[in-house]
Amino acid sequence: MAEALWGNFVEVLQQTLDLYRALLRLSTYKREVLIAADAPVLEQLTRQEELLVLQVAKMEPIRKGIQSQLAGMYAISPEELTLSKAVVLAPGPVADRLITIGKEFEGVSGELMPLNRSNARLIEQALTFVNYTVNLLTRNMAAPTYAPQGQAGQSAAVRSTIDQKA
């Protein structure tokens, strides 16, 4: 029973790690897409990212359930069963695998966090540019239709700026 539970625990952690690796690859590509300002590809990447995050979220209750069972076997609370504590309690080969998984999680998260911050800054810059452009167009569109003393206003020029067929 204990061996199978430890095996399941390692398997869930490995699957979660694989999902985080996929997120890292996606985030790396996303940076390139953001720099290239390729909106259609960015939309596809965002959908893929959402699916991966949902899969990670589905793994969490499974991991917590196994963690609770393991903690019960050792008469500790599930919160006390951290990865480092699990390494101490697990049988030899499982402990070695947990150490490896822990190091790999550190590496992936160490790369993923700054990359996500960088991508967030790129998105903010793109939004700032879009808002600036929209404000310029809005300001031109808000020009008066009639000028003082019955002269024609700028409405004809504004209409030609915006493609009404699009």
N, C-alpha and C. Protein backbone atom coordinates (compact mmCIF):
# COMPACT_ATOMS: atom_id res chain seq x y z
N MET A 1 0.83 -1.20 0.00
CA MET A 1 0.00 0.00 0.00
C MET A 1 0.87 1.26 0.00
N ALA A 2 1.85 1.32 0.90
CA ALA A 2 2.69 2.51 1.01
C ALA A 2 3.51 2.72 -0.27
N GLU A 3 4.04 1.63 -0.83
CA GLU A 3 4.84 1.76 -2.06
C GLU A 3 4.01 2.31 -3.20
N ALA A 4 2.79 1.79 -3.34
CA ALA A 4 1.90 2.26 -4.41
C ALA A 4 1.55 3.74 -4.21
N LEU A 5 1.33 4.13 -2.97
CA LEU A 5 0.98 5.52 -2.68
C LEU A 5 2.15 6.45 -3.00
N TRP A 6 3.35 6.03 -2.61
CA TRP A 6 4.54 6.83 -2.93
C TRP A 6 4.73 6.90 -4.45
N GLY A 7 4.48 5.78 -5.13
CA GLY A 7 4.59 5.78 -6.59
C GLY A 7 3.59 6.73 -7.23
N ASN A 8 2.36 6.73 -6.72
CA ASN A 8 1.35 7.66 -7.23
C ASN A 8 1.75 9.11 -6.97
N PHE A 9 2.31 9.36 -5.80
CA PHE A 9 2.74 10.71 -5.44
C PHE A 9 3.81 11.20 -6.41
N VAL A 10 4.79 10.35 -6.68
CA VAL A 10 5.86 10.70 -7.62
C VAL A 10 5.28 10.93 -9.01
N GLU A 11 4.35 10.07 -9.43
CA GLU A 11 3.75 10.19 -10.76
C GLU A 11 2.99 11.51 -10.91
N VAL A 12 2.22 11.88 -9.91
CA VAL A 12 1.47 13.15 -9.97
C VAL A 12 2.44 14.33 -10.01
N LEU A 13 3.48 14.28 -9.21
CA LEU A 13 4.47 15.37 -9.23
C LEU A 13 5.16 15.44 -10.58
N GLN A 14 5.48 14.29 -11.16
CA GLN A 14 6.13 14.27 -12.48
C GLN A 14 5.21 14.83 -13.55
N GLN A 15 3.94 14.46 -13.52
CA GLN A 15 2.99 14.99 -14.50
C GLN A 15 2.84 16.51 -14.36
N THR A 16 2.80 16.97 -13.13
CA THR A 16 2.70 18.41 -12.88
C THR A 16 3.95 19.12 -13.38
N LEU A 17 5.11 18.53 -13.14
CA LEU A 17 6.36 19.09 -13.63
C LEU A 17 6.36 19.16 -15.16
N ASP A 18 5.87 18.12 -15.80
CA ASP A 18 5.79 18.12 -17.27
C ASP A 18 4.88 19.25 -17.78
N LEU A 19 3.78 19.49 -17.07
CA LEU A 19 2.90 20.59 -17.45
C LEU A 19 3.60 21.94 -17.29
N TYR A 20 4.37 22.10 -16.21
CA TYR A 20 5.11 23.34 -16.02
C TYR A 20 6.19 23.52 -17.09
N ARG A 21 6.81 22.43 -17.50
CA ARG A 21 7.79 22.51 -18.59
C ARG A 21 7.11 22.98 -19.87
N ALA A 22 5.92 22.44 -20.14
CA ALA A 22 5.17 22.87 -21.32
C ALA A 22 4.82 24.35 -21.22
N LEU A 23 4.45 24.81 -20.03
CA LEU A 23 4.17 26.24 -19.83
C LEU A 23 5.41 27.08 -20.08
N LEU A 24 6.56 26.58 -19.66
CA LEU A 24 7.82 27.30 -19.89
C LEU A 24 8.11 27.41 -21.38
N ARG A 25 7.95 26.31 -22.11
CA ARG A 25 8.18 26.36 -23.57
C ARG A 25 7.21 27.35 -24.22
N LEU A 26 5.96 27.30 -23.80
CA LEU A 26 4.94 28.18 -24.36
C LEU A 26 5.24 29.64 -24.03
N SER A 27 5.67 29.91 -22.81
CA SER A 27 5.98 31.28 -22.41
C SER A 27 7.19 31.81 -23.17
N THR A 28 8.15 30.94 -23.44
CA THR A 28 9.33 31.35 -24.22
C THR A 28 8.91 31.74 -25.63
N TYR A 29 8.06 30.93 -26.23
CA TYR A 29 7.55 31.24 -27.57
C TYR A 29 6.66 32.48 -27.53
N LYS A 30 5.89 32.60 -26.47
CA LYS A 30 4.99 33.75 -26.32
C LYS A 30 5.78 35.06 -26.32
N ARG A 31 6.95 35.05 -25.72
CA ARG A 31 7.79 36.25 -25.71
C ARG A 31 8.14 36.67 -27.14
N GLU A 32 8.52 35.68 -27.95
CA GLU A 32 8.86 35.97 -29.35
C GLU A 32 7.64 36.52 -30.10
N VAL A 33 6.48 35.94 -29.83
CA VAL A 33 5.25 36.37 -30.50
C VAL A 33 4.86 37.77 -30.06
N LEU A 34 5.05 38.08 -28.78
CA LEU A 34 4.75 39.43 -28.28
C LEU A 34 5.67 40.46 -28.93
N ILE A 35 6.92 40.12 -29.06
CA ILE A 35 7.87 41.04 -29.68
C ILE A 35 7.51 41.26 -31.16
N ALA A 36 7.07 40.19 -31.82
CA ALA A 36 6.68 40.29 -33.22
C ALA A 36 5.29 40.90 -33.40
N ALA A 37 4.55 41.06 -32.30
CA ALA A 37 3.19 41.61 -32.32
C ALA A 37 2.27 40.82 -33.25
N ASP A 38 2.34 39.51 -33.14
CA ASP A 38 1.52 38.62 -33.96
C ASP A 38 0.28 38.22 -33.17
N ALA A 39 -0.77 39.04 -33.29
CA ALA A 39 -1.98 38.86 -32.48
C ALA A 39 -2.67 37.51 -32.68
N PRO A 40 -2.83 37.00 -33.91
CA PRO A 40 -3.50 35.70 -34.06
C PRO A 40 -2.75 34.56 -33.37
N VAL A 41 -1.44 34.55 -33.50
CA VAL A 41 -0.64 33.50 -32.84
C VAL A 41 -0.70 33.67 -31.33
N LEU A 42 -0.69 34.92 -30.87
CA LEU A 42 -0.78 35.19 -29.44
C LEU A 42 -2.09 34.65 -28.88
N GLU A 43 -3.16 34.81 -29.63
CA GLU A 43 -4.46 34.30 -29.19
C GLU A 43 -4.43 32.78 -29.05
N GLN A 44 -3.82 32.11 -30.02
CA GLN A 44 -3.71 30.64 -29.95
C GLN A 44 -2.87 30.22 -28.75
N LEU A 45 -1.77 30.91 -28.53
CA LEU A 45 -0.89 30.58 -27.40
C LEU A 45 -1.61 30.79 -26.07
N THR A 46 -2.41 31.84 -26.00
CA THR A 46 -3.15 32.11 -24.77
C THR A 46 -4.14 30.99 -24.48
N ARG A 47 -4.79 30.49 -25.52
CA ARG A 47 -5.72 29.37 -25.34
C ARG A 47 -4.97 28.12 -24.85
N GLN A 48 -3.82 27.85 -25.46
CA GLN A 48 -3.03 26.69 -25.04
C GLN A 48 -2.56 26.85 -23.60
N GLU A 49 -2.18 28.06 -23.26
CA GLU A 49 -1.72 28.35 -21.90
C GLU A 49 -2.86 28.12 -20.90
N GLU A 50 -4.05 28.56 -21.24
CA GLU A 50 -5.21 28.36 -20.37
C GLU A 50 -5.48 26.87 -20.15
N LEU A 51 -5.36 26.08 -21.21
CA LEU A 51 -5.58 24.63 -21.08
C LEU A 51 -4.55 23.99 -20.16
N LEU A 52 -3.30 24.41 -20.29
CA LEU A 52 -2.25 23.87 -19.42
C LEU A 52 -2.49 24.24 -17.96
N VAL A 53 -2.88 25.48 -17.74
CA VAL A 53 -3.15 25.93 -16.37
C VAL A 53 -4.33 25.15 -15.78
N LEU A 54 -5.34 24.87 -16.59
CA LEU A 54 -6.47 24.06 -16.13
C LEU A 54 -6.02 22.64 -15.78
N GLN A 55 -5.13 22.08 -16.58
CA GLN A 55 -4.62 20.74 -16.30
C GLN A 55 -3.82 20.73 -14.99
N VAL A 56 -3.03 21.77 -14.77
CA VAL A 56 -2.29 21.88 -13.50
C VAL A 56 -3.27 21.95 -12.34
N ALA A 57 -4.33 22.73 -12.51
CA ALA A 57 -5.34 22.87 -11.46
C ALA A 57 -6.03 21.53 -11.18
N LYS A 58 -6.22 20.71 -12.19
CA LYS A 58 -6.83 19.40 -12.00
C LYS A 58 -5.89 18.45 -11.24
N MET A 59 -4.61 18.64 -11.40
CA MET A 59 -3.64 17.78 -10.72
C MET A 59 -3.56 18.10 -9.22
N GLU A 60 -3.85 19.32 -8.87
CA GLU A 60 -3.70 19.77 -7.47
C GLU A 60 -4.53 18.96 -6.48
N PRO A 61 -5.83 18.75 -6.70
CA PRO A 61 -6.59 17.96 -5.73
C PRO A 61 -6.12 16.50 -5.66
N ILE A 62 -5.64 15.98 -6.77
CA ILE A 62 -5.12 14.61 -6.76
C ILE A 62 -3.87 14.54 -5.88
N ARG A 63 -2.97 15.52 -6.09
CA ARG A 63 -1.75 15.56 -5.27
C ARG A 63 -2.09 15.73 -3.80
N LYS A 64 -3.03 16.62 -3.50
CA LYS A 64 -3.40 16.86 -2.11
C LYS A 64 -4.01 15.62 -1.47
N GLY A 65 -4.80 14.87 -2.24
CA GLY A 65 -5.39 13.64 -1.72
C GLY A 65 -4.33 12.62 -1.36
N ILE A 66 -3.38 12.42 -2.24
CA ILE A 66 -2.29 11.48 -1.97
C ILE A 66 -1.44 11.99 -0.82
N GLN A 67 -1.19 13.26 -0.80
CA GLN A 67 -0.40 13.87 0.27
C GLN A 67 -1.09 13.65 1.62
N SER A 68 -2.41 13.79 1.65
CA SER A 68 -3.16 13.56 2.90
C SER A 68 -3.05 12.10 3.35
N GLN A 69 -3.15 11.19 2.40
CA GLN A 69 -3.03 9.77 2.74
C GLN A 69 -1.64 9.45 3.28
N LEU A 70 -0.62 9.98 2.63
CA LEU A 70 0.75 9.76 3.10
C LEU A 70 0.96 10.37 4.48
N ALA A 71 0.45 11.57 4.66
CA ALA A 71 0.60 12.24 5.96
C ALA A 71 -0.08 11.42 7.05
N GLY A 72 -1.25 10.85 6.74
CA GLY A 72 -1.95 10.01 7.71
C GLY A 72 -1.15 8.79 8.10
N MET A 73 -0.43 8.22 7.14
CA MET A 73 0.41 7.05 7.43
C MET A 73 1.52 7.38 8.41
N TYR A 74 1.99 8.62 8.39
CA TYR A 74 3.11 9.03 9.24
C TYR A 74 2.65 9.90 10.41
N ALA A 75 1.34 9.99 10.61
CA ALA A 75 0.74 10.73 11.72
C ALA A 75 1.21 12.19 11.77
N ILE A 76 1.22 12.83 10.60
CA ILE A 76 1.52 14.26 10.52
C ILE A 76 0.41 14.92 9.71
N SER A 77 0.34 16.23 9.78
CA SER A 77 -0.69 16.94 9.00
C SER A 77 -0.22 17.02 7.54
N PRO A 78 -1.16 17.10 6.61
CA PRO A 78 -0.78 17.22 5.19
C PRO A 78 0.10 18.44 4.91
N GLU A 79 -0.12 19.51 5.66
CA GLU A 79 0.69 20.72 5.46
C GLU A 79 2.15 20.50 5.86
N GLU A 80 2.38 19.59 6.81
CA GLU A 80 3.74 19.29 7.25
C GLU A 80 4.50 18.44 6.23
N LEU A 81 3.76 17.75 5.37
CA LEU A 81 4.40 16.86 4.40
C LEU A 81 4.85 17.68 3.19
N THR A 82 5.90 18.45 3.40
CA THR A 82 6.50 19.21 2.31
C THR A 82 7.36 18.26 1.48
N LEU A 83 7.88 18.74 0.40
CA LEU A 83 8.72 17.91 -0.44
C LEU A 83 9.98 17.47 0.31
N SER A 84 10.57 18.38 1.06
CA SER A 84 11.78 18.00 1.81
C SER A 84 11.46 16.98 2.90
N LYS A 85 10.29 17.10 3.52
CA LYS A 85 9.87 16.12 4.53
C LYS A 85 9.57 14.77 3.86
N ALA A 86 8.96 14.82 2.69
CA ALA A 86 8.67 13.59 1.94
C ALA A 86 9.96 12.86 1.57
N VAL A 87 11.00 13.61 1.23
CA VAL A 87 12.29 12.99 0.91
C VAL A 87 12.81 12.20 2.10
N VAL A 88 12.64 12.73 3.30
CA VAL A 88 13.10 12.05 4.52
C VAL A 88 12.27 10.80 4.79
N LEU A 89 10.97 10.86 4.56
CA LEU A 89 10.08 9.75 4.89
C LEU A 89 10.01 8.67 3.81
N ALA A 90 10.25 9.01 2.57
CA ALA A 90 10.07 8.08 1.45
C ALA A 90 11.17 7.02 1.43
N PRO A 91 10.84 5.85 0.87
CA PRO A 91 11.88 4.82 0.68
C PRO A 91 12.96 5.32 -0.29
N GLY A 92 14.15 4.76 -0.20
CA GLY A 92 15.34 5.18 -0.95
C GLY A 92 15.14 5.63 -2.38
N PRO A 93 14.69 4.74 -3.29
CA PRO A 93 14.57 5.16 -4.69
C PRO A 93 13.53 6.27 -4.90
N VAL A 94 12.47 6.23 -4.11
CA VAL A 94 11.44 7.27 -4.20
C VAL A 94 12.02 8.59 -3.72
N ALA A 95 12.79 8.56 -2.64
CA ALA A 95 13.42 9.77 -2.12
C ALA A 95 14.34 10.38 -3.16
N ASP A 96 15.11 9.54 -3.84
CA ASP A 96 16.01 10.04 -4.89
C ASP A 96 15.21 10.71 -6.01
N ARG A 97 14.12 10.10 -6.38
CA ARG A 97 13.28 10.66 -7.45
C ARG A 97 12.65 11.98 -7.01
N LEU A 98 12.23 12.05 -5.74
CA LEU A 98 11.66 13.30 -5.21
C LEU A 98 12.70 14.42 -5.20
N ILE A 99 13.93 14.08 -4.88
CA ILE A 99 15.01 15.09 -4.90
C ILE A 99 15.18 15.63 -6.31
N THR A 100 15.20 14.72 -7.29
CA THR A 100 15.36 15.13 -8.68
C THR A 100 14.19 16.01 -9.13
N ILE A 101 12.98 15.58 -8.82
CA ILE A 101 11.80 16.35 -9.20
C ILE A 101 11.83 17.73 -8.55
N GLY A 102 12.21 17.80 -7.27
CA GLY A 102 12.30 19.08 -6.57
C GLY A 102 13.28 20.03 -7.25
N LYS A 103 14.45 19.51 -7.63
CA LYS A 103 15.45 20.34 -8.32
C LYS A 103 14.93 20.82 -9.67
N GLU A 104 14.24 19.92 -10.37
CA GLU A 104 13.70 20.29 -11.68
C GLU A 104 12.60 21.35 -11.54
N PHE A 105 11.76 21.22 -10.51
CA PHE A 105 10.73 22.24 -10.25
C PHE A 105 11.39 23.60 -9.98
N GLU A 106 12.46 23.59 -9.19
CA GLU A 106 13.17 24.85 -8.91
C GLU A 106 13.69 25.47 -10.19
N GLY A 107 14.28 24.65 -11.05
CA GLY A 107 14.82 25.16 -12.31
C GLY A 107 13.75 25.74 -13.22
N VAL A 108 12.67 24.99 -13.37
CA VAL A 108 11.59 25.45 -14.25
C VAL A 108 10.94 26.72 -13.71
N SER A 109 10.64 26.72 -12.41
CA SER A 109 10.01 27.92 -11.84
C SER A 109 10.97 29.09 -11.83
N GLY A 110 12.27 28.81 -11.68
CA GLY A 110 13.27 29.88 -11.74
C GLY A 110 13.34 30.54 -13.10
N GLU A 111 13.04 29.80 -14.15
CA GLU A 111 13.00 30.36 -15.50
C GLU A 111 11.64 30.96 -15.82
N LEU A 112 10.59 30.30 -15.35
CA LEU A 112 9.23 30.69 -15.71
C LEU A 112 8.82 32.02 -15.08
N MET A 113 9.15 32.24 -13.84
CA MET A 113 8.70 33.47 -13.16
C MET A 113 9.25 34.73 -13.81
N PRO A 114 10.57 34.84 -14.06
CA PRO A 114 11.03 36.07 -14.72
C PRO A 114 10.52 36.21 -16.16
N LEU A 115 10.35 35.09 -16.84
CA LEU A 115 9.83 35.13 -18.20
C LEU A 115 8.40 35.64 -18.21
N ASN A 116 7.59 35.19 -17.27
CA ASN A 116 6.21 35.67 -17.17
C ASN A 116 6.16 37.15 -16.83
N ARG A 117 7.07 37.61 -15.95
CA ARG A 117 7.13 39.05 -15.64
C ARG A 117 7.50 39.85 -16.88
N SER A 118 8.45 39.35 -17.64
CA SER A 118 8.87 40.02 -18.87
C SER A 118 7.73 40.07 -19.88
N ASN A 119 7.03 38.95 -20.04
CA ASN A 119 5.88 38.91 -20.96
C ASN A 119 4.79 39.88 -20.51
N ALA A 120 4.57 39.97 -19.21
CA ALA A 120 3.57 40.90 -18.70
C ALA A 120 3.94 42.34 -19.04
N ARG A 121 5.23 42.67 -18.93
CA ARG A 121 5.68 44.02 -19.28
C ARG A 121 5.48 44.28 -20.78
N LEU A 122 5.78 43.28 -21.61
CA LEU A 122 5.56 43.44 -23.05
C LEU A 122 4.09 43.66 -23.37
N ILE A 123 3.22 42.93 -22.69
CA ILE A 123 1.78 43.10 -22.90
C ILE A 123 1.35 44.49 -22.46
N GLU A 124 1.86 44.96 -21.33
CA GLU A 124 1.52 46.31 -20.86
C GLU A 124 1.96 47.37 -21.86
N GLN A 125 3.17 47.18 -22.42
CA GLN A 125 3.65 48.14 -23.42
C GLN A 125 2.77 48.14 -24.66
N ALA A 126 2.36 46.95 -25.09
CA ALA A 126 1.50 46.85 -26.26
C ALA A 126 0.15 47.51 -25.99
N LEU A 127 -0.40 47.31 -24.80
CA LEU A 127 -1.67 47.93 -24.44
C LEU A 127 -1.54 49.45 -24.37
N THR A 128 -0.43 49.93 -23.86
CA THR A 128 -0.20 51.37 -23.80
C THR A 128 -0.18 51.95 -25.21
N PHE A 129 0.49 51.26 -26.12
CA PHE A 129 0.54 51.72 -27.51
C PHE A 129 -0.85 51.71 -28.14
N VAL A 130 -1.59 50.63 -27.92
CA VAL A 130 -2.95 50.54 -28.47
C VAL A 130 -3.83 51.66 -27.91
N ASN A 131 -3.76 51.88 -26.60
CA ASN A 131 -4.56 52.96 -25.99
C ASN A 131 -4.17 54.32 -26.55
N TYR A 132 -2.88 54.55 -26.75
CA TYR A 132 -2.42 55.81 -27.32
C TYR A 132 -3.00 55.99 -28.72
N THR A 133 -2.95 54.94 -29.53
CA THR A 133 -3.47 55.01 -30.89
C THR A 133 -4.97 55.26 -30.89
N VAL A 134 -5.69 54.55 -30.03
CA VAL A 134 -7.14 54.75 -29.94
C VAL A 134 -7.45 56.17 -29.50
N ASN A 135 -6.70 56.70 -28.55
CA ASN A 135 -6.92 58.08 -28.11
C ASN A 135 -6.67 59.08 -29.24
N LEU A 136 -5.65 58.82 -30.05
CA LEU A 136 -5.40 59.71 -31.19
C LEU A 136 -6.57 59.67 -32.17
N LEU A 137 -7.05 58.48 -32.47
CA LEU A 137 -8.18 58.36 -33.40
C LEU A 137 -9.43 58.98 -32.81
N THR A 138 -9.66 58.78 -31.53
CA THR A 138 -10.84 59.32 -30.87
C THR A 138 -10.79 60.83 -30.85
N ARG A 139 -9.64 61.38 -30.60
CA ARG A 139 -9.49 62.83 -30.58
C ARG A 139 -9.80 63.41 -31.95
N ASN A 140 -9.33 62.76 -33.02
CA ASN A 140 -9.62 63.23 -34.37
C ASN A 140 -11.11 63.11 -34.68
N MET A 141 -11.73 62.06 -34.20
CA MET A 141 -13.15 61.86 -34.49
C MET A 141 -14.02 62.85 -33.72
N ALA A 142 -13.53 63.36 -32.61
CA ALA A 142 -14.31 64.28 -31.79
C ALA A 142 -14.26 65.71 -32.31
N ALA A 143 -13.60 65.91 -33.42
CA ALA A 143 -13.51 67.26 -33.99
C ALA A 143 -14.91 67.75 -34.36
N PRO A 144 -15.11 69.04 -34.25
CA PRO A 144 -16.44 69.58 -34.55
C PRO A 144 -16.82 69.37 -36.01
N THR A 145 -18.11 69.18 -36.24
CA THR A 145 -18.61 68.99 -37.60
C THR A 145 -18.70 70.33 -38.33
N TYR A 146 -18.99 71.37 -37.58
CA TYR A 146 -19.10 72.69 -38.18
C TYR A 146 -18.08 73.61 -37.55
N ALA A 147 -17.47 74.41 -38.36
CA ALA A 147 -16.51 75.38 -37.88
C ALA A 147 -17.25 76.68 -37.62
N PRO A 148 -16.63 77.62 -36.94
CA PRO A 148 -17.29 78.91 -36.69
C PRO A 148 -17.67 79.61 -38.00
N GLN A 149 -18.71 80.38 -37.96
CA GLN A 149 -19.23 81.21 -39.05
C GLN A 149 -19.61 80.38 -40.28
N GLY A 150 -20.16 79.18 -40.03
CA GLY A 150 -20.70 78.38 -41.13
C GLY A 150 -19.69 77.70 -42.02
N GLN A 151 -18.41 77.70 -41.69
CA GLN A 151 -17.41 77.03 -42.52
C GLN A 151 -17.48 75.53 -42.28
N ALA A 152 -17.09 74.74 -43.26
CA ALA A 152 -17.11 73.28 -43.14
C ALA A 152 -16.07 72.84 -42.11
N GLY A 153 -16.44 71.81 -41.34
CA GLY A 153 -15.53 71.28 -40.32
C GLY A 153 -14.68 70.15 -40.86
N GLN A 154 -14.14 69.33 -39.94
CA GLN A 154 -13.20 68.27 -40.31
C GLN A 154 -13.86 66.90 -40.44
N SER A 155 -15.16 66.81 -40.39
CA SER A 155 -15.81 65.50 -40.36
C SER A 155 -15.47 64.67 -41.60
N ALA A 156 -15.32 65.27 -42.76
CA ALA A 156 -15.00 64.52 -43.97
C ALA A 156 -13.61 63.91 -43.85
N ALA A 157 -12.67 64.65 -43.27
CA ALA A 157 -11.31 64.13 -43.12
C ALA A 157 -11.28 62.99 -42.11
N VAL A 158 -12.07 63.10 -41.07
CA VAL A 158 -12.10 62.06 -40.05
C VAL A 158 -12.68 60.77 -40.62
N ARG A 159 -13.72 60.88 -41.42
CA ARG A 159 -14.35 59.69 -42.01
C ARG A 159 -13.37 58.97 -42.92
N SER A 160 -12.51 59.68 -43.59
CA SER A 160 -11.57 59.02 -44.49
C SER A 160 -10.44 58.33 -43.72
N THR A 161 -10.23 58.70 -42.47
CA THR A 161 -9.19 58.08 -41.66
C THR A 161 -9.57 56.65 -41.26
N ILE A 162 -10.85 56.41 -41.05
CA ILE A 162 -11.32 55.12 -40.59
C ILE A 162 -11.95 54.36 -41.74
N ASP A 163 -11.52 53.12 -41.92
CA ASP A 163 -12.06 52.28 -42.97
C ASP A 163 -13.40 51.74 -42.51
N GLN A 164 -14.46 52.23 -43.11
CA GLN A 164 -15.80 51.86 -42.65
C GLN A 164 -16.23 50.49 -43.16
N LYS A 165 -15.50 49.91 -44.08
CA LYS A 165 -15.83 48.59 -44.60
C LYS A 165 -15.33 47.49 -43.68
N ALA A 166 -14.34 47.79 -42.85
CA ALA A 166 -13.71 46.78 -41.99
C ALA A 166 -14.58 46.35 -40.85
